[in-house]
Amino acid sequence: MARHLRRVYGRDLRSWELNRRVDEAFASYARYWAESLRLPSLRPAQISAGIAYEGFEHIIAGEAAGRGTILAVAHLGGWEWGGTDLAITGHQTSVVVEALEPPEVFEWFVSFRERLGMHVIPTGPGAAVACSRALAANHVLCLLCDRMVGTNAGVEVEFFGERTELPAGPVTLALRTGAVVLPCAVYFGRRSNQHLGVIRPPLDLHRRGRLRDDVQAGTQALATELEALIRRAPTQWHLMQPNWPSDHDLPSRRLIHAN
């Protein structure tokens, strides 16, 4: 987490400032779980009252086009709240969920999100087909895409000044199905149960040459959009796994005070 935040804030961030922001990030992650686990007990009107939007017209336009809408989401703020609000307000919403061990934990996550009105697609060999079917049915498909998950295909991009891999799925699906890709985030507000969903305009995706090259270019454009969304609230970025090759080079005890 310290290394990720230093990438966002820059090398000039002093150690005590970095430590404080790491604490803020973990507090933000605790808020994510506290609010998410309360969602099933809230009335639909309470959930909708707890979120406002910038750029929601892009979702409406995507649905009107009829070829599916991909929400490319970073692990920011209260994304669970945003997905729930979409589902309860009449938008057919599918989410791809990382398979977890033990299986009982994964089954709990699936049942939890389905209780909130979302259709769950597990990661794995059948996920791409299931995602294509969801888009063909004009669903809003939510894909967390600021880190690699499992053995899914990745694309090398520059992300916060370093080369790493991000998932190829969002752009590949869009190029194959005609769906739009909307970079987005759901930020916490100052008060409890207060959120802001930000939906960016669709990525400019077209077939210009080899599919592999088009996917790489589109994923780089997505990485740039994700950077801007993360910079808007860095301590709400709940990315706690190594995400760059250099993250594996330093012992964990040196991360916070590394210069």
C-alpha atoms as a PDB file:
ATOM      1  CA  MET A   1       0.000   0.000   0.000  1.00  0.00           C
ATOM      2  CA  ALA A   2       2.834   2.400   0.817  1.00  0.00           C
ATOM      3  CA  ARG A   3       4.490   1.769  -2.526  1.00  0.00           C
ATOM      4  CA  HIS A   4       1.231   2.275  -4.396  1.00  0.00           C
ATOM      5  CA  LEU A   5       0.528   5.558  -2.627  1.00  0.00           C
ATOM      6  CA  ARG A   6       4.051   6.806  -3.237  1.00  0.00           C
ATOM      7  CA  ARG A   7       3.511   6.201  -6.954  1.00  0.00           C
ATOM      8  CA  VAL A   8       0.408   8.395  -6.832  1.00  0.00           C
ATOM      9  CA  TYR A   9       1.763  11.205  -4.634  1.00  0.00           C
ATOM     10  CA  GLY A  10       5.328  11.224  -5.932  1.00  0.00           C
ATOM     11  CA  ARG A  11       8.772  10.650  -4.474  1.00  0.00           C
ATOM     12  CA  ASP A  12       8.760  13.953  -2.553  1.00  0.00           C
ATOM     13  CA  LEU A  13       6.167  12.692  -0.063  1.00  0.00           C
ATOM     14  CA  ARG A  14       7.833  12.565   3.380  1.00  0.00           C
ATOM     15  CA  SER A  15       7.780   9.375   5.438  1.00  0.00           C
ATOM     16  CA  TRP A  16       5.442  10.700   8.128  1.00  0.00           C
ATOM     17  CA  GLU A  17       3.018  11.919   5.456  1.00  0.00           C
ATOM     18  CA  LEU A  18       3.133   8.543   3.734  1.00  0.00           C
ATOM     19  CA  ASN A  19       2.505   6.742   7.032  1.00  0.00           C
ATOM     20  CA  ARG A  20      -0.534   8.928   7.668  1.00  0.00           C
ATOM     21  CA  ARG A  21      -1.928   8.250   4.223  1.00  0.00           C
ATOM     22  CA  VAL A  22      -1.421   4.502   4.629  1.00  0.00           C
ATOM     23  CA  ASP A  23      -3.463   4.724   7.841  1.00  0.00           C
ATOM     24  CA  GLU A  24      -6.153   6.678   5.980  1.00  0.00           C
ATOM     25  CA  ALA A  25      -6.252   4.051   3.250  1.00  0.00           C
ATOM     26  CA  PHE A  26      -6.803   1.214   5.730  1.00  0.00           C
ATOM     27  CA  ALA A  27      -9.494   3.264   7.481  1.00  0.00           C
ATOM     28  CA  SER A  28     -11.143   3.769   4.093  1.00  0.00           C
ATOM     29  CA  TYR A  29     -11.036   0.033   3.445  1.00  0.00           C
ATOM     30  CA  ALA A  30     -12.664  -0.617   6.829  1.00  0.00           C
ATOM     31  CA  ARG A  31     -15.401   1.838   5.879  1.00  0.00           C
ATOM     32  CA  TYR A  32     -15.917  -0.059   2.614  1.00  0.00           C
ATOM     33  CA  TRP A  33     -16.626  -3.272   4.518  1.00  0.00           C
ATOM     34  CA  ALA A  34     -18.767  -1.630   7.188  1.00  0.00           C
ATOM     35  CA  GLU A  35     -20.980   0.069   4.613  1.00  0.00           C
ATOM     36  CA  SER A  36     -21.093  -2.884   2.233  1.00  0.00           C
ATOM     37  CA  LEU A  37     -22.202  -5.315   4.936  1.00  0.00           C
ATOM     38  CA  ARG A  38     -25.017  -2.951   5.918  1.00  0.00           C
ATOM     39  CA  LEU A  39     -26.444  -2.793   2.405  1.00  0.00           C
ATOM     40  CA  PRO A  40     -28.807  -5.796   2.697  1.00  0.00           C
ATOM     41  CA  SER A  41     -30.452  -4.200   5.744  1.00  0.00           C
ATOM     42  CA  LEU A  42     -31.126  -0.871   4.006  1.00  0.00           C
ATOM     43  CA  ARG A  43     -34.256   0.057   2.077  1.00  0.00           C
ATOM     44  CA  PRO A  44     -33.817   0.823  -1.648  1.00  0.00           C
ATOM     45  CA  ALA A  45     -34.718   4.453  -1.024  1.00  0.00           C
ATOM     46  CA  GLN A  46     -31.947   4.739   1.570  1.00  0.00           C
ATOM     47  CA  ILE A  47     -29.386   3.291  -0.836  1.00  0.00           C
ATOM     48  CA  SER A  48     -30.368   5.603  -3.685  1.00  0.00           C
ATOM     49  CA  ALA A  49     -30.372   8.602  -1.347  1.00  0.00           C
ATOM     50  CA  GLY A  50     -26.782   7.780  -0.415  1.00  0.00           C
ATOM     51  CA  ILE A  51     -25.270   8.278  -3.867  1.00  0.00           C
ATOM     52  CA  ALA A  52     -25.075  11.054  -6.446  1.00  0.00           C
ATOM     53  CA  TYR A  53     -23.541  10.830  -9.913  1.00  0.00           C
ATOM     54  CA  GLU A  54     -21.391  12.707 -12.382  1.00  0.00           C
ATOM     55  CA  GLY A  55     -21.726  11.459 -15.956  1.00  0.00           C
ATOM     56  CA  PHE A  56     -24.615   9.040 -15.469  1.00  0.00           C
ATOM     57  CA  GLU A  57     -25.777   9.998 -18.957  1.00  0.00           C
ATOM     58  CA  HIS A  58     -22.985   7.812 -20.338  1.00  0.00           C
ATOM     59  CA  ILE A  59     -24.616   4.733 -18.795  1.00  0.00           C
ATOM     60  CA  ILE A  60     -27.985   5.746 -20.232  1.00  0.00           C
ATOM     61  CA  ALA A  61     -26.436   6.209 -23.688  1.00  0.00           C
ATOM     62  CA  GLY A  62     -24.695   2.847 -23.466  1.00  0.00           C
ATOM     63  CA  GLU A  63     -27.944   1.093 -22.600  1.00  0.00           C
ATOM     64  CA  ALA A  64     -29.750   2.912 -25.402  1.00  0.00           C
ATOM     65  CA  ALA A  65     -27.173   1.636 -27.906  1.00  0.00           C
ATOM     66  CA  GLY A  66     -28.219  -1.881 -26.919  1.00  0.00           C
ATOM     67  CA  ARG A  67     -24.858  -3.665 -27.131  1.00  0.00           C
ATOM     68  CA  GLY A  68     -23.975  -3.693 -23.455  1.00  0.00           C
ATOM     69  CA  THR A  69     -22.096  -1.309 -21.190  1.00  0.00           C
ATOM     70  CA  ILE A  70     -18.816  -2.147 -19.454  1.00  0.00           C
ATOM     71  CA  LEU A  71     -18.039  -0.215 -16.285  1.00  0.00           C
ATOM     72  CA  ALA A  72     -14.254  -0.369 -15.862  1.00  0.00           C
ATOM     73  CA  VAL A  73     -13.832   0.101 -12.138  1.00  0.00           C
ATOM     74  CA  ALA A  74     -10.836   0.646  -9.882  1.00  0.00           C
ATOM     75  CA  HIS A  75     -10.778  -0.612  -6.296  1.00  0.00           C
ATOM     76  CA  LEU A  76     -11.850   2.827  -5.125  1.00  0.00           C
ATOM     77  CA  GLY A  77     -14.197   3.881  -2.360  1.00  0.00           C
ATOM     78  CA  GLY A  78     -17.599   2.196  -2.125  1.00  0.00           C
ATOM     79  CA  TRP A  79     -17.992   0.456  -5.470  1.00  0.00           C
ATOM     80  CA  GLU A  80     -20.369  -2.092  -3.871  1.00  0.00           C
ATOM     81  CA  TRP A  81     -22.797   0.715  -3.063  1.00  0.00           C
ATOM     82  CA  GLY A  82     -22.780   1.922  -6.668  1.00  0.00           C
ATOM     83  CA  GLY A  83     -23.399  -1.563  -8.081  1.00  0.00           C
ATOM     84  CA  THR A  84     -26.274  -2.100  -5.676  1.00  0.00           C
ATOM     85  CA  ASP A  85     -27.890   1.200  -6.622  1.00  0.00           C
ATOM     86  CA  LEU A  86     -27.709   0.298 -10.311  1.00  0.00           C
ATOM     87  CA  ALA A  87     -29.331  -3.064  -9.675  1.00  0.00           C
ATOM     88  CA  ILE A  88     -32.180  -1.803  -7.505  1.00  0.00           C
ATOM     89  CA  THR A  89     -33.029   1.053  -9.892  1.00  0.00           C
ATOM     90  CA  GLY A  90     -33.777  -1.261 -12.818  1.00  0.00           C
ATOM     91  CA  HIS A  91     -30.415  -1.627 -14.552  1.00  0.00           C
ATOM     92  CA  GLN A  92     -29.564  -5.254 -15.315  1.00  0.00           C
ATOM     93  CA  THR A  93     -26.185  -5.497 -13.594  1.00  0.00           C
ATOM     94  CA  SER A  94     -23.587  -8.251 -13.820  1.00  0.00           C
ATOM     95  CA  VAL A  95     -20.349  -8.348 -11.844  1.00  0.00           C
ATOM     96  CA  VAL A  96     -17.280 -10.518 -12.263  1.00  0.00           C
ATOM     97  CA  VAL A  97     -16.117 -11.882  -8.912  1.00  0.00           C
ATOM     98  CA  GLU A  98     -12.711 -13.353  -8.163  1.00  0.00           C
ATOM     99  CA  ALA A  99     -12.828 -17.002  -7.118  1.00  0.00           C
ATOM    100  CA  LEU A 100     -11.709 -17.306  -3.489  1.00  0.00           C
ATOM    101  CA  GLU A 101     -10.561 -20.058  -1.175  1.00  0.00           C
ATOM    102  CA  PRO A 102     -12.036 -21.768   0.685  1.00  0.00           C
ATOM    103  CA  PRO A 103     -15.107 -22.343  -1.521  1.00  0.00           C
ATOM    104  CA  GLU A 104     -17.431 -21.458   1.356  1.00  0.00           C
ATOM    105  CA  VAL A 105     -16.068 -17.912   1.393  1.00  0.00           C
ATOM    106  CA  PHE A 106     -16.621 -17.538  -2.331  1.00  0.00           C
ATOM    107  CA  GLU A 107     -20.155 -18.925  -2.052  1.00  0.00           C
ATOM    108  CA  TRP A 108     -20.864 -16.376   0.649  1.00  0.00           C
ATOM    109  CA  PHE A 109     -19.657 -13.532  -1.606  1.00  0.00           C
ATOM    110  CA  VAL A 110     -21.823 -14.777  -4.456  1.00  0.00           C
ATOM    111  CA  SER A 111     -24.940 -15.018  -2.294  1.00  0.00           C
ATOM    112  CA  PHE A 112     -24.189 -11.607  -0.748  1.00  0.00           C
ATOM    113  CA  ARG A 113     -24.033  -9.831  -4.099  1.00  0.00           C
ATOM    114  CA  GLU A 114     -27.020 -11.702  -5.484  1.00  0.00           C
ATOM    115  CA  ARG A 115     -29.030 -10.558  -2.470  1.00  0.00           C
ATOM    116  CA  LEU A 116     -28.160  -7.027  -3.555  1.00  0.00           C
ATOM    117  CA  GLY A 117     -29.625  -7.681  -7.014  1.00  0.00           C
ATOM    118  CA  MET A 118     -26.431  -8.271  -8.997  1.00  0.00           C
ATOM    119  CA  HIS A 119     -25.817 -11.234 -11.292  1.00  0.00           C
ATOM    120  CA  VAL A 120     -22.472 -12.804 -10.374  1.00  0.00           C
ATOM    121  CA  ILE A 121     -20.001 -14.193 -12.926  1.00  0.00           C
ATOM    122  CA  PRO A 122     -17.105 -16.119 -11.309  1.00  0.00           C
ATOM    123  CA  THR A 123     -13.641 -15.714 -12.778  1.00  0.00           C
ATOM    124  CA  GLY A 124     -12.373 -18.790 -14.584  1.00  0.00           C
ATOM    125  CA  PRO A 125     -12.571 -20.557 -17.957  1.00  0.00           C
ATOM    126  CA  GLY A 126     -16.230 -19.726 -18.566  1.00  0.00           C
ATOM    127  CA  ALA A 127     -16.112 -16.076 -17.539  1.00  0.00           C
ATOM    128  CA  ALA A 128     -15.480 -14.613 -21.015  1.00  0.00           C
ATOM    129  CA  VAL A 129     -18.474 -16.440 -22.504  1.00  0.00           C
ATOM    130  CA  ALA A 130     -20.694 -15.428 -19.578  1.00  0.00           C
ATOM    131  CA  CYS A 131     -19.593 -11.792 -19.929  1.00  0.00           C
ATOM    132  CA  SER A 132     -20.355 -11.841 -23.666  1.00  0.00           C
ATOM    133  CA  ARG A 133     -23.815 -13.214 -22.944  1.00  0.00           C
ATOM    134  CA  ALA A 134     -24.447 -10.522 -20.351  1.00  0.00           C
ATOM    135  CA  LEU A 135     -23.458  -7.816 -22.830  1.00  0.00           C
ATOM    136  CA  ALA A 136     -25.632  -9.394 -25.538  1.00  0.00           C
ATOM    137  CA  ALA A 137     -28.526  -9.085 -23.075  1.00  0.00           C
ATOM    138  CA  ASN A 138     -27.610  -5.373 -22.707  1.00  0.00           C
ATOM    139  CA  HIS A 139     -26.450  -5.695 -19.110  1.00  0.00           C
ATOM    140  CA  VAL A 140     -24.229  -3.231 -17.322  1.00  0.00           C
ATOM    141  CA  LEU A 141     -21.110  -5.324 -16.727  1.00  0.00           C
ATOM    142  CA  CYS A 142     -18.868  -4.235 -13.838  1.00  0.00           C
ATOM    143  CA  LEU A 143     -15.205  -5.206 -14.159  1.00  0.00           C
ATOM    144  CA  LEU A 144     -12.600  -4.325 -11.539  1.00  0.00           C
ATOM    145  CA  CYS A 145      -9.562  -3.784 -13.712  1.00  0.00           C
ATOM    146  CA  ASP A 146      -6.746  -1.992 -11.862  1.00  0.00           C
ATOM    147  CA  ARG A 147      -4.907  -5.242 -11.087  1.00  0.00           C
ATOM    148  CA  MET A 148      -4.474  -8.701 -12.534  1.00  0.00           C
ATOM    149  CA  VAL A 149      -6.700 -11.453 -11.182  1.00  0.00           C
ATOM    150  CA  GLY A 150      -5.633 -15.095 -11.297  1.00  0.00           C
ATOM    151  CA  THR A 151      -4.344 -16.316 -14.642  1.00  0.00           C
ATOM    152  CA  ASN A 152      -6.463 -14.035 -16.816  1.00  0.00           C
ATOM    153  CA  ALA A 153      -4.808 -12.520 -19.872  1.00  0.00           C
ATOM    154  CA  GLY A 154      -3.006  -9.250 -19.312  1.00  0.00           C
ATOM    155  CA  VAL A 155      -1.645  -6.397 -21.384  1.00  0.00           C
ATOM    156  CA  GLU A 156       1.542  -4.503 -20.608  1.00  0.00           C
ATOM    157  CA  VAL A 157       0.921  -0.800 -20.031  1.00  0.00           C
ATOM    158  CA  GLU A 158       2.487   2.160 -18.299  1.00  0.00           C
ATOM    159  CA  PHE A 159       0.597   2.766 -15.070  1.00  0.00           C
ATOM    160  CA  PHE A 160       1.774   5.499 -12.690  1.00  0.00           C
ATOM    161  CA  GLY A 161       5.126   5.719 -14.416  1.00  0.00           C
ATOM    162  CA  GLU A 162       6.012   2.013 -14.357  1.00  0.00           C
ATOM    163  CA  ARG A 163       5.396  -0.855 -16.723  1.00  0.00           C
ATOM    164  CA  THR A 164       3.018  -3.522 -15.469  1.00  0.00           C
ATOM    165  CA  GLU A 165       0.120  -5.636 -16.707  1.00  0.00           C
ATOM    166  CA  LEU A 166      -3.573  -4.815 -16.488  1.00  0.00           C
ATOM    167  CA  PRO A 167      -6.457  -7.076 -17.521  1.00  0.00           C
ATOM    168  CA  ALA A 168      -7.144  -7.301 -21.258  1.00  0.00           C
ATOM    169  CA  GLY A 169     -10.760  -8.286 -20.672  1.00  0.00           C
ATOM    170  CA  PRO A 170     -12.612  -4.931 -20.763  1.00  0.00           C
ATOM    171  CA  VAL A 171     -11.166  -3.742 -24.070  1.00  0.00           C
ATOM    172  CA  THR A 172     -11.178  -7.196 -25.682  1.00  0.00           C
ATOM    173  CA  LEU A 173     -14.853  -7.680 -24.847  1.00  0.00           C
ATOM    174  CA  ALA A 174     -15.708  -4.230 -26.156  1.00  0.00           C
ATOM    175  CA  LEU A 175     -13.909  -4.734 -29.464  1.00  0.00           C
ATOM    176  CA  ARG A 176     -15.562  -8.100 -29.976  1.00  0.00           C
ATOM    177  CA  THR A 177     -19.104  -7.156 -28.936  1.00  0.00           C
ATOM    178  CA  GLY A 178     -19.443  -3.451 -29.686  1.00  0.00           C
ATOM    179  CA  ALA A 179     -20.084  -2.622 -26.030  1.00  0.00           C
ATOM    180  CA  VAL A 180     -18.894   0.701 -24.649  1.00  0.00           C
ATOM    181  CA  VAL A 181     -16.229   0.924 -21.932  1.00  0.00           C
ATOM    182  CA  LEU A 182     -16.841   3.579 -19.282  1.00  0.00           C
ATOM    183  CA  PRO A 183     -14.027   4.185 -16.759  1.00  0.00           C
ATOM    184  CA  CYS A 184     -15.667   4.906 -13.434  1.00  0.00           C
ATOM    185  CA  ALA A 185     -15.294   5.096  -9.657  1.00  0.00           C
ATOM    186  CA  VAL A 186     -17.494   5.425  -6.591  1.00  0.00           C
ATOM    187  CA  TYR A 187     -15.992   7.745  -3.963  1.00  0.00           C
ATOM    188  CA  PHE A 188     -16.842   8.085  -0.304  1.00  0.00           C
ATOM    189  CA  GLY A 189     -18.312  11.390   0.807  1.00  0.00           C
ATOM    190  CA  ARG A 190     -17.536  13.056   4.102  1.00  0.00           C
ATOM    191  CA  ARG A 191     -20.576  11.657   5.874  1.00  0.00           C
ATOM    192  CA  SER A 192     -21.407   8.019   6.453  1.00  0.00           C
ATOM    193  CA  ASN A 193     -23.399   6.437   3.627  1.00  0.00           C
ATOM    194  CA  GLN A 194     -22.563   9.338   1.277  1.00  0.00           C
ATOM    195  CA  HIS A 195     -21.074   8.508  -2.130  1.00  0.00           C
ATOM    196  CA  LEU A 196     -20.297  10.032  -5.504  1.00  0.00           C
ATOM    197  CA  GLY A 197     -20.271   7.902  -8.629  1.00  0.00           C
ATOM    198  CA  VAL A 198     -18.111   9.331 -11.428  1.00  0.00           C
ATOM    199  CA  ILE A 199     -18.631   7.902 -14.903  1.00  0.00           C
ATOM    200  CA  ARG A 200     -16.187   9.023 -17.548  1.00  0.00           C
ATOM    201  CA  PRO A 201     -17.013   9.218 -21.296  1.00  0.00           C
ATOM    202  CA  PRO A 202     -16.585   6.000 -23.296  1.00  0.00           C
ATOM    203  CA  LEU A 203     -13.139   5.023 -24.482  1.00  0.00           C
ATOM    204  CA  ASP A 204     -12.516   5.600 -28.178  1.00  0.00           C
ATOM    205  CA  LEU A 205     -12.164   1.981 -29.271  1.00  0.00           C
ATOM    206  CA  HIS A 206     -11.994   0.899 -32.902  1.00  0.00           C
ATOM    207  CA  ARG A 207     -10.411  -1.894 -34.880  1.00  0.00           C
ATOM    208  CA  ARG A 208      -7.428  -0.334 -36.627  1.00  0.00           C
ATOM    209  CA  GLY A 209      -5.125  -3.304 -37.134  1.00  0.00           C
ATOM    210  CA  ARG A 210      -4.282  -6.508 -35.322  1.00  0.00           C
ATOM    211  CA  LEU A 211      -6.610  -7.271 -32.420  1.00  0.00           C
ATOM    212  CA  ARG A 212      -3.638  -7.610 -30.081  1.00  0.00           C
ATOM    213  CA  ASP A 213      -2.387  -4.122 -30.957  1.00  0.00           C
ATOM    214  CA  ASP A 214      -5.846  -2.598 -30.642  1.00  0.00           C
ATOM    215  CA  VAL A 215      -6.334  -4.217 -27.229  1.00  0.00           C
ATOM    216  CA  GLN A 216      -2.972  -2.895 -26.049  1.00  0.00           C
ATOM    217  CA  ALA A 217      -3.741   0.651 -27.195  1.00  0.00           C
ATOM    218  CA  GLY A 218      -7.205   0.585 -25.644  1.00  0.00           C
ATOM    219  CA  THR A 219      -5.942  -0.806 -22.346  1.00  0.00           C
ATOM    220  CA  GLN A 220      -3.271   1.911 -22.191  1.00  0.00           C
ATOM    221  CA  ALA A 221      -6.015   4.508 -22.673  1.00  0.00           C
ATOM    222  CA  LEU A 222      -7.959   2.845 -19.866  1.00  0.00           C
ATOM    223  CA  ALA A 223      -4.882   2.884 -17.601  1.00  0.00           C
ATOM    224  CA  THR A 224      -4.562   6.638 -18.143  1.00  0.00           C
ATOM    225  CA  GLU A 225      -8.224   7.126 -17.190  1.00  0.00           C
ATOM    226  CA  LEU A 226      -7.802   4.973 -14.082  1.00  0.00           C
ATOM    227  CA  GLU A 227      -4.802   7.057 -13.031  1.00  0.00           C
ATOM    228  CA  ALA A 228      -6.919  10.209 -13.124  1.00  0.00           C
ATOM    229  CA  LEU A 229      -9.717   8.572 -11.127  1.00  0.00           C
ATOM    230  CA  ILE A 230      -7.291   7.296  -8.493  1.00  0.00           C
ATOM    231  CA  ARG A 231      -5.489  10.651  -8.181  1.00  0.00           C
ATOM    232  CA  ARG A 232      -8.835  12.193  -7.269  1.00  0.00           C
ATOM    233  CA  ALA A 233      -8.841  10.264  -3.947  1.00  0.00           C
ATOM    234  CA  PRO A 234      -5.629   8.243  -3.502  1.00  0.00           C
ATOM    235  CA  THR A 235      -6.333   7.108   0.062  1.00  0.00           C
ATOM    236  CA  GLN A 236      -9.607   5.552  -1.106  1.00  0.00           C
ATOM    237  CA  TRP A 237      -7.650   3.226  -3.397  1.00  0.00           C
ATOM    238  CA  HIS A 238      -7.967  -0.199  -1.784  1.00  0.00           C
ATOM    239  CA  LEU A 239      -5.237  -1.947  -3.733  1.00  0.00           C
ATOM    240  CA  MET A 240      -3.295  -4.041  -1.255  1.00  0.00           C
ATOM    241  CA  GLN A 241      -1.615  -6.590  -3.504  1.00  0.00           C
ATOM    242  CA  PRO A 242       1.699  -6.272  -5.374  1.00  0.00           C
ATOM    243  CA  ASN A 243       0.793  -4.777  -8.737  1.00  0.00           C
ATOM    244  CA  TRP A 244       4.122  -3.935 -10.392  1.00  0.00           C
ATOM    245  CA  PRO A 245       7.171  -6.167 -10.943  1.00  0.00           C
ATOM    246  CA  SER A 246       9.249  -3.958  -8.640  1.00  0.00           C
ATOM    247  CA  ASP A 247       6.817  -4.605  -5.751  1.00  0.00           C
ATOM    248  CA  HIS A 248       8.430  -8.012  -5.361  1.00  0.00           C
ATOM    249  CA  ASP A 249      11.940  -6.564  -5.019  1.00  0.00           C
ATOM    250  CA  LEU A 250      11.748  -4.984  -1.539  1.00  0.00           C
ATOM    251  CA  PRO A 251      11.184  -6.725   1.813  1.00  0.00           C
ATOM    252  CA  SER A 252       7.834  -5.671   3.276  1.00  0.00           C
ATOM    253  CA  ARG A 253       9.481  -4.177   6.392  1.00  0.00           C
ATOM    254  CA  ARG A 254      11.154  -1.513   4.202  1.00  0.00           C
ATOM    255  CA  LEU A 255       8.112  -0.436   2.210  1.00  0.00           C
ATOM    256  CA  ILE A 256       6.830   2.496   4.223  1.00  0.00           C
ATOM    257  CA  HIS A 257      10.170   4.209   4.757  1.00  0.00           C
ATOM    258  CA  ALA A 258      11.618   3.514   1.316  1.00  0.00           C
ATOM    259  CA  ASN A 259      12.758   6.697  -0.428  1.00  0.00           C
END
